[in-house]
């Protein structure tokens, strides 16, 4: 599942399912576990997570079949 992310002013990350306004707020340790390929200096961007991770973060209503 595609997601976009934005670092907040306090250093946490808002993670959005692509194409929605709904988000979850993750502490840096959890964010970098979810998306280890992202640079520690990143402010915003996009990435891809597994369907399993998406279900845990966003619940069933946000995880649509491809």
Protein backbone atom coordinates (compact mmCIF):
# COMPACT_ATOMS: atom_id res chain seq x y z
CA UNK A 1 0.00 0.00 0.00
CA UNK A 2 1.31 3.43 -0.87
CA UNK A 3 1.61 6.01 1.89
CA UNK A 4 2.83 9.55 2.20
CA UNK A 5 4.48 10.97 5.30
CA UNK A 6 5.28 14.34 6.83
CA UNK A 7 7.53 15.04 9.81
CA UNK A 8 5.82 17.21 12.40
CA UNK A 9 7.37 20.18 14.13
CA UNK A 10 8.10 18.00 17.19
CA UNK A 11 9.82 15.30 15.09
CA UNK A 12 7.09 12.67 14.90
CA UNK A 13 5.61 11.52 11.56
CA UNK A 14 2.08 11.75 10.19
CA UNK A 15 1.55 8.79 7.86
CA UNK A 16 -1.35 8.97 5.36
CA UNK A 17 -2.73 6.24 3.10
CA UNK A 18 -2.23 7.58 -0.44
CA UNK A 19 -5.20 9.61 -1.63
CA UNK A 20 -6.79 10.18 1.79
CA UNK A 21 -6.73 12.82 4.48
CA UNK A 22 -6.77 10.28 7.32
CA UNK A 23 -3.47 9.72 9.12
CA UNK A 24 -1.74 8.13 12.07
CA UNK A 25 0.95 9.86 14.09
CA UNK A 26 4.06 7.74 14.72
CA UNK A 27 7.04 8.34 16.96
CA UNK A 28 10.35 8.28 15.04
CA UNK A 29 11.35 4.79 16.27
CA UNK A 30 8.09 3.27 15.00
CA UNK A 31 8.24 5.20 11.73
CA UNK A 32 11.77 4.06 10.87
CA UNK A 33 10.86 0.47 11.76
CA UNK A 34 7.94 0.71 9.32
CA UNK A 35 9.94 2.46 6.57
CA UNK A 36 13.63 1.69 7.17
CA UNK A 37 14.65 2.90 3.70
CA UNK A 38 13.74 6.52 4.56
CA UNK A 39 16.63 8.85 5.46
CA UNK A 40 16.80 10.07 9.05
CA UNK A 41 16.89 13.61 7.59
CA UNK A 42 13.67 13.26 5.55
CA UNK A 43 10.94 15.86 6.11
CA UNK A 44 8.27 14.39 3.81
CA UNK A 45 7.87 11.83 1.08
CA UNK A 46 6.12 8.69 0.01
CA UNK A 47 6.73 4.99 0.32
CA UNK A 48 5.13 1.59 0.28
CA UNK A 49 4.15 -0.63 3.20
CA UNK A 50 2.78 -4.16 3.34
CA UNK A 51 -0.93 -4.88 3.54
CA UNK A 52 -0.38 -6.37 6.99
CA UNK A 53 1.27 -3.17 8.24
CA UNK A 54 -1.50 -1.09 6.66
CA UNK A 55 -4.17 -3.14 8.46
CA UNK A 56 -2.39 -2.58 11.78
CA UNK A 57 -2.04 1.17 11.21
CA UNK A 58 -5.25 2.15 9.45
CA UNK A 59 -7.73 -0.69 9.92
CA UNK A 60 -9.75 -2.54 7.29
CA UNK A 61 -11.59 0.42 5.77
CA UNK A 62 -8.36 1.93 4.41
CA UNK A 63 -6.87 -1.24 2.94
CA UNK A 64 -8.37 -1.78 -0.48
CA UNK A 65 -7.49 -4.66 -2.80
CA UNK A 66 -5.23 -3.78 -5.75
